Each structure stands twice: as structure tokens, then as C-alpha cells.
Amino acid sequence: MVELKSSTNKIWEALRNSTTLFPKAMPHRYKSIEVLKGDGQSEGSIRLVKLKSENNFNWKTMVSSKGDGSMVKWSCNYDKANEYFPNSDIIKEFTFKKFQELDAYLIKSM
């Protein structure tokens, strides 16, 4: 879980637009995001997210209000690309930093 300064609405809007926003806001983490099914923003949309790593990830994200900001809670399952891939603490840190970077990007662009 990570607490952010950006509002819940701003975070949800960023997640809805992550197909274009994430590779722009965090090019060091994302190669690309493609919409495979749906419009990429609505429930049931399927996206192919290509990270700078070579692992398969499946995650769920929940955003709730906390004061003037928001709280993001997530869960993630992944397949290790090989035995040298870092443990789950590294994945947690990646995700935590990803949301902090997104928050900084959103605040800067206000």
C-alpha cells in the first residue's frame, strides 16, 4: 500500500489513461502498453504491458480517498523469467516507486 498526494480522481484518471501516460511518465520502466480488447479504459479491457523486465505480471489495483490525497492498494502475481529474477520484495519496491513516480508526474503537470 502507498499513500500519495494526488487525489483519488487524478490517480484513477491516470490509471485509465495508463496506456499512453505510463510510458511517457516512466519511460525507464515501460516499453509500451497495447490495448488488446476493449477501449483500454473501461472495465473488461485487456492490455498488454511490456516492462523493461522480461516477466509476466498480473495485478489488481484499488484506489481510495485519504484526506486530500489517495491510498493505492495492489496485489500482484508474476512468473519468474529465470532463477536470477529478484524476490517479491523487489517487485513490491518497483510498484511502490512506480506509484510515487506517477504521483510526482501528476503533481508536476497540474
N, C-alpha and C. Protein backbone atom coordinates (compact mmCIF):
# COMPACT_ATOMS: atom_id res chain seq x y z
N MET A 1 0.84 -1.16 0.00
CA MET A 1 0.00 0.00 0.00
C MET A 1 0.90 1.24 0.00
N VAL A 2 0.47 2.27 -0.72
CA VAL A 2 1.25 3.51 -0.78
C VAL A 2 0.31 4.70 -0.69
N GLU A 3 0.70 5.69 0.09
CA GLU A 3 -0.07 6.91 0.22
C GLU A 3 0.50 7.94 -0.74
N LEU A 4 -0.39 8.61 -1.48
CA LEU A 4 0.03 9.58 -2.49
C LEU A 4 -0.59 10.94 -2.22
N LYS A 5 0.00 11.99 -2.78
CA LYS A 5 -0.51 13.35 -2.63
C LYS A 5 -1.62 13.65 -3.63
N SER A 6 -1.60 12.99 -4.78
CA SER A 6 -2.61 13.21 -5.81
C SER A 6 -3.96 12.68 -5.35
N SER A 7 -5.03 13.33 -5.80
CA SER A 7 -6.38 12.92 -5.44
C SER A 7 -6.73 11.56 -6.04
N THR A 8 -7.73 10.93 -5.46
CA THR A 8 -8.22 9.64 -5.97
C THR A 8 -8.65 9.77 -7.43
N ASN A 9 -9.38 10.84 -7.75
CA ASN A 9 -9.84 11.03 -9.13
C ASN A 9 -8.67 11.16 -10.09
N LYS A 10 -7.62 11.88 -9.68
CA LYS A 10 -6.46 12.07 -10.55
C LYS A 10 -5.72 10.74 -10.76
N ILE A 11 -5.60 9.93 -9.70
CA ILE A 11 -4.94 8.62 -9.83
C ILE A 11 -5.76 7.71 -10.72
N TRP A 12 -7.08 7.65 -10.51
CA TRP A 12 -7.93 6.79 -11.35
C TRP A 12 -7.86 7.22 -12.81
N GLU A 13 -7.87 8.53 -13.05
CA GLU A 13 -7.78 9.03 -14.42
C GLU A 13 -6.44 8.61 -15.04
N ALA A 14 -5.38 8.69 -14.25
CA ALA A 14 -4.06 8.28 -14.74
C ALA A 14 -4.04 6.78 -15.04
N LEU A 15 -4.67 5.97 -14.18
CA LEU A 15 -4.72 4.52 -14.43
C LEU A 15 -5.55 4.22 -15.67
N ARG A 16 -6.65 4.93 -15.85
CA ARG A 16 -7.47 4.74 -17.06
C ARG A 16 -6.69 5.09 -18.31
N ASN A 17 -5.85 6.11 -18.23
CA ASN A 17 -5.06 6.57 -19.37
C ASN A 17 -3.63 6.01 -19.36
N SER A 18 -3.41 4.98 -18.58
CA SER A 18 -2.04 4.45 -18.44
C SER A 18 -1.47 3.92 -19.75
N THR A 19 -2.31 3.57 -20.69
CA THR A 19 -1.83 3.07 -21.98
C THR A 19 -0.87 4.07 -22.61
N THR A 20 -1.19 5.34 -22.52
CA THR A 20 -0.30 6.36 -23.08
C THR A 20 0.51 7.07 -22.01
N LEU A 21 -0.06 7.23 -20.81
CA LEU A 21 0.59 8.02 -19.76
C LEU A 21 1.80 7.32 -19.13
N PHE A 22 1.68 6.03 -18.80
CA PHE A 22 2.78 5.35 -18.10
C PHE A 22 4.08 5.33 -18.90
N PRO A 23 4.05 4.97 -20.19
CA PRO A 23 5.32 5.01 -20.94
C PRO A 23 5.91 6.42 -21.04
N LYS A 24 5.04 7.45 -21.00
CA LYS A 24 5.52 8.82 -21.07
C LYS A 24 6.06 9.27 -19.70
N ALA A 25 5.34 8.95 -18.63
CA ALA A 25 5.72 9.38 -17.28
C ALA A 25 6.90 8.58 -16.73
N MET A 26 7.01 7.31 -17.14
CA MET A 26 8.05 6.43 -16.62
C MET A 26 8.70 5.61 -17.73
N PRO A 27 9.36 6.26 -18.69
CA PRO A 27 9.94 5.53 -19.82
C PRO A 27 11.03 4.55 -19.42
N HIS A 28 11.62 4.74 -18.27
CA HIS A 28 12.65 3.82 -17.78
C HIS A 28 12.04 2.51 -17.25
N ARG A 29 10.74 2.46 -17.05
CA ARG A 29 10.07 1.27 -16.54
C ARG A 29 9.23 0.54 -17.61
N TYR A 30 8.68 1.30 -18.57
CA TYR A 30 7.74 0.74 -19.55
C TYR A 30 8.27 0.84 -20.96
N LYS A 31 8.20 -0.29 -21.69
CA LYS A 31 8.50 -0.27 -23.13
C LYS A 31 7.28 0.24 -23.88
N SER A 32 6.11 -0.37 -23.60
CA SER A 32 4.87 0.02 -24.27
C SER A 32 3.68 -0.62 -23.56
N ILE A 33 2.50 -0.09 -23.87
CA ILE A 33 1.25 -0.69 -23.41
C ILE A 33 0.30 -0.69 -24.59
N GLU A 34 -0.19 -1.87 -24.96
CA GLU A 34 -1.11 -2.02 -26.09
C GLU A 34 -2.48 -2.46 -25.59
N VAL A 35 -3.53 -1.96 -26.21
CA VAL A 35 -4.88 -2.40 -25.90
C VAL A 35 -5.19 -3.60 -26.78
N LEU A 36 -5.49 -4.74 -26.16
CA LEU A 36 -5.80 -5.96 -26.90
C LEU A 36 -7.30 -6.18 -27.05
N LYS A 37 -8.07 -5.69 -26.07
CA LYS A 37 -9.52 -5.88 -26.11
C LYS A 37 -10.18 -4.67 -25.45
N GLY A 38 -11.26 -4.20 -26.02
CA GLY A 38 -11.97 -3.06 -25.46
C GLY A 38 -11.31 -1.74 -25.84
N ASP A 39 -11.64 -0.72 -25.09
CA ASP A 39 -11.10 0.61 -25.39
C ASP A 39 -9.88 0.95 -24.54
N GLY A 40 -9.49 0.05 -23.65
CA GLY A 40 -8.32 0.27 -22.81
C GLY A 40 -8.62 1.06 -21.56
N GLN A 41 -9.85 1.57 -21.42
CA GLN A 41 -10.20 2.37 -20.26
C GLN A 41 -11.36 1.80 -19.47
N SER A 42 -12.21 1.06 -20.13
CA SER A 42 -13.41 0.54 -19.48
C SER A 42 -13.15 -0.82 -18.84
N GLU A 43 -14.04 -1.17 -17.91
CA GLU A 43 -13.98 -2.47 -17.27
C GLU A 43 -13.99 -3.56 -18.33
N GLY A 44 -13.16 -4.57 -18.14
CA GLY A 44 -13.08 -5.67 -19.09
C GLY A 44 -12.04 -5.48 -20.18
N SER A 45 -11.47 -4.28 -20.27
CA SER A 45 -10.41 -4.04 -21.25
C SER A 45 -9.19 -4.88 -20.89
N ILE A 46 -8.50 -5.34 -21.91
CA ILE A 46 -7.28 -6.12 -21.70
C ILE A 46 -6.12 -5.38 -22.36
N ARG A 47 -5.06 -5.21 -21.58
CA ARG A 47 -3.87 -4.51 -22.07
C ARG A 47 -2.67 -5.43 -22.01
N LEU A 48 -1.79 -5.26 -22.95
CA LEU A 48 -0.50 -5.94 -22.95
C LEU A 48 0.54 -4.92 -22.52
N VAL A 49 1.08 -5.11 -21.32
CA VAL A 49 2.05 -4.18 -20.75
C VAL A 49 3.43 -4.77 -20.93
N LYS A 50 4.30 -4.05 -21.61
CA LYS A 50 5.68 -4.50 -21.80
C LYS A 50 6.59 -3.65 -20.93
N LEU A 51 7.13 -4.30 -19.90
CA LEU A 51 8.04 -3.63 -18.98
C LEU A 51 9.47 -3.76 -19.46
N LYS A 52 10.36 -3.08 -18.80
CA LYS A 52 11.79 -3.18 -19.12
C LYS A 52 12.37 -4.49 -18.60
N SER A 53 11.55 -5.27 -17.89
CA SER A 53 11.97 -6.61 -17.46
C SER A 53 11.32 -7.64 -18.37
N GLU A 54 11.63 -8.90 -18.17
CA GLU A 54 11.11 -9.94 -19.06
C GLU A 54 10.20 -10.91 -18.32
N ASN A 55 9.37 -10.42 -17.42
CA ASN A 55 8.50 -11.27 -16.63
C ASN A 55 7.05 -11.00 -16.96
N ASN A 56 6.20 -11.99 -16.68
CA ASN A 56 4.75 -11.84 -16.86
C ASN A 56 4.14 -11.46 -15.52
N PHE A 57 3.39 -10.36 -15.50
CA PHE A 57 2.76 -9.87 -14.30
C PHE A 57 1.25 -9.82 -14.48
N ASN A 58 0.52 -10.08 -13.41
CA ASN A 58 -0.92 -9.94 -13.37
C ASN A 58 -1.23 -9.21 -12.07
N TRP A 59 -1.77 -7.98 -12.15
CA TRP A 59 -2.01 -7.25 -10.92
C TRP A 59 -3.38 -6.63 -10.89
N LYS A 60 -3.85 -6.37 -9.66
CA LYS A 60 -5.12 -5.70 -9.41
C LYS A 60 -4.80 -4.46 -8.58
N THR A 61 -5.51 -3.38 -8.86
CA THR A 61 -5.26 -2.12 -8.18
C THR A 61 -6.57 -1.55 -7.64
N MET A 62 -6.53 -1.04 -6.40
CA MET A 62 -7.68 -0.38 -5.79
C MET A 62 -7.21 0.98 -5.28
N VAL A 63 -7.94 2.04 -5.61
CA VAL A 63 -7.59 3.40 -5.19
C VAL A 63 -8.73 3.93 -4.32
N SER A 64 -8.39 4.49 -3.14
CA SER A 64 -9.40 5.08 -2.27
C SER A 64 -8.91 6.44 -1.77
N SER A 65 -9.86 7.26 -1.34
CA SER A 65 -9.53 8.60 -0.84
C SER A 65 -8.86 8.51 0.52
N LYS A 66 -7.91 9.43 0.74
CA LYS A 66 -7.29 9.59 2.06
C LYS A 66 -6.96 11.06 2.21
N GLY A 67 -7.81 11.79 2.95
CA GLY A 67 -7.64 13.24 3.09
C GLY A 67 -7.76 13.90 1.73
N ASP A 68 -6.79 14.77 1.39
CA ASP A 68 -6.78 15.42 0.09
C ASP A 68 -6.11 14.55 -0.97
N GLY A 69 -5.48 13.46 -0.55
CA GLY A 69 -4.76 12.58 -1.46
C GLY A 69 -5.48 11.26 -1.67
N SER A 70 -4.73 10.21 -1.82
CA SER A 70 -5.32 8.89 -2.07
C SER A 70 -4.44 7.80 -1.50
N MET A 71 -5.02 6.61 -1.39
CA MET A 71 -4.31 5.42 -0.94
C MET A 71 -4.47 4.38 -2.04
N VAL A 72 -3.36 3.80 -2.49
CA VAL A 72 -3.39 2.78 -3.53
C VAL A 72 -3.01 1.45 -2.90
N LYS A 73 -3.84 0.45 -3.11
CA LYS A 73 -3.57 -0.92 -2.63
C LYS A 73 -3.53 -1.81 -3.85
N TRP A 74 -2.55 -2.69 -3.92
CA TRP A 74 -2.44 -3.55 -5.09
C TRP A 74 -2.01 -4.96 -4.67
N SER A 75 -2.29 -5.89 -5.57
CA SER A 75 -1.79 -7.26 -5.43
C SER A 75 -1.23 -7.67 -6.78
N CYS A 76 -0.23 -8.54 -6.75
CA CYS A 76 0.47 -8.89 -7.98
C CYS A 76 0.89 -10.36 -7.94
N ASN A 77 0.68 -11.04 -9.05
CA ASN A 77 1.21 -12.38 -9.28
C ASN A 77 2.13 -12.28 -10.48
N TYR A 78 3.22 -13.03 -10.48
CA TYR A 78 4.14 -12.96 -11.61
C TYR A 78 4.87 -14.29 -11.77
N ASP A 79 5.34 -14.50 -12.99
CA ASP A 79 6.17 -15.65 -13.32
C ASP A 79 7.61 -15.17 -13.40
N LYS A 80 8.49 -15.87 -12.74
CA LYS A 80 9.91 -15.51 -12.83
C LYS A 80 10.45 -15.88 -14.21
N ALA A 81 11.17 -14.96 -14.82
CA ALA A 81 11.77 -15.22 -16.13
C ALA A 81 12.88 -16.26 -16.00
N ASN A 82 13.58 -16.25 -14.85
CA ASN A 82 14.65 -17.21 -14.59
C ASN A 82 14.95 -17.21 -13.10
N GLU A 83 15.82 -18.08 -12.66
CA GLU A 83 16.12 -18.19 -11.23
C GLU A 83 16.86 -16.98 -10.67
N TYR A 84 17.36 -16.13 -11.55
CA TYR A 84 18.08 -14.94 -11.11
C TYR A 84 17.17 -13.74 -10.88
N PHE A 85 15.91 -13.90 -11.22
CA PHE A 85 14.98 -12.77 -11.04
C PHE A 85 14.81 -12.49 -9.55
N PRO A 86 14.73 -11.20 -9.17
CA PRO A 86 14.64 -10.83 -7.75
C PRO A 86 13.41 -11.38 -7.05
N ASN A 87 13.47 -11.40 -5.73
CA ASN A 87 12.35 -11.89 -4.94
C ASN A 87 11.21 -10.89 -4.91
N SER A 88 10.12 -11.23 -4.24
CA SER A 88 8.91 -10.41 -4.23
C SER A 88 9.12 -9.04 -3.60
N ASP A 89 10.09 -8.90 -2.70
CA ASP A 89 10.35 -7.58 -2.11
C ASP A 89 10.77 -6.58 -3.18
N ILE A 90 11.50 -7.02 -4.18
CA ILE A 90 11.92 -6.15 -5.27
C ILE A 90 10.70 -5.72 -6.09
N ILE A 91 9.76 -6.64 -6.31
CA ILE A 91 8.53 -6.32 -7.05
C ILE A 91 7.71 -5.29 -6.27
N LYS A 92 7.60 -5.48 -4.96
CA LYS A 92 6.88 -4.51 -4.13
C LYS A 92 7.52 -3.14 -4.23
N GLU A 93 8.83 -3.09 -4.16
CA GLU A 93 9.55 -1.82 -4.25
C GLU A 93 9.34 -1.17 -5.61
N PHE A 94 9.38 -1.97 -6.68
CA PHE A 94 9.12 -1.47 -8.04
C PHE A 94 7.76 -0.81 -8.10
N THR A 95 6.74 -1.49 -7.59
CA THR A 95 5.38 -0.99 -7.65
C THR A 95 5.22 0.26 -6.79
N PHE A 96 5.80 0.23 -5.60
CA PHE A 96 5.75 1.38 -4.71
C PHE A 96 6.37 2.60 -5.39
N LYS A 97 7.55 2.43 -5.98
CA LYS A 97 8.23 3.53 -6.66
C LYS A 97 7.45 3.99 -7.90
N LYS A 98 6.82 3.03 -8.59
CA LYS A 98 6.03 3.37 -9.79
C LYS A 98 4.93 4.34 -9.42
N PHE A 99 4.20 4.06 -8.33
CA PHE A 99 3.12 4.95 -7.94
C PHE A 99 3.65 6.28 -7.41
N GLN A 100 4.77 6.28 -6.73
CA GLN A 100 5.37 7.54 -6.28
C GLN A 100 5.80 8.39 -7.48
N GLU A 101 6.38 7.77 -8.50
CA GLU A 101 6.78 8.49 -9.71
C GLU A 101 5.56 9.02 -10.45
N LEU A 102 4.50 8.23 -10.52
CA LEU A 102 3.26 8.68 -11.15
C LEU A 102 2.71 9.88 -10.40
N ASP A 103 2.69 9.80 -9.07
CA ASP A 103 2.21 10.89 -8.24
C ASP A 103 3.01 12.16 -8.50
N ALA A 104 4.33 12.06 -8.52
CA ALA A 104 5.20 13.22 -8.79
C ALA A 104 4.93 13.79 -10.17
N TYR A 105 4.73 12.93 -11.15
CA TYR A 105 4.44 13.37 -12.52
C TYR A 105 3.11 14.14 -12.57
N LEU A 106 2.10 13.59 -11.89
CA LEU A 106 0.77 14.22 -11.87
C LEU A 106 0.81 15.57 -11.16
N ILE A 107 1.50 15.65 -10.05
CA ILE A 107 1.61 16.91 -9.30
C ILE A 107 2.34 17.96 -10.13
N LYS A 108 3.41 17.54 -10.80
CA LYS A 108 4.19 18.46 -11.63
C LYS A 108 3.38 18.99 -12.82
N SER A 109 2.48 18.15 -13.35
CA SER A 109 1.72 18.54 -14.53
C SER A 109 0.44 19.31 -14.19
N MET A 110 0.20 19.58 -12.92
CA MET A 110 -1.02 20.31 -12.51
C MET A 110 -0.94 21.76 -12.90
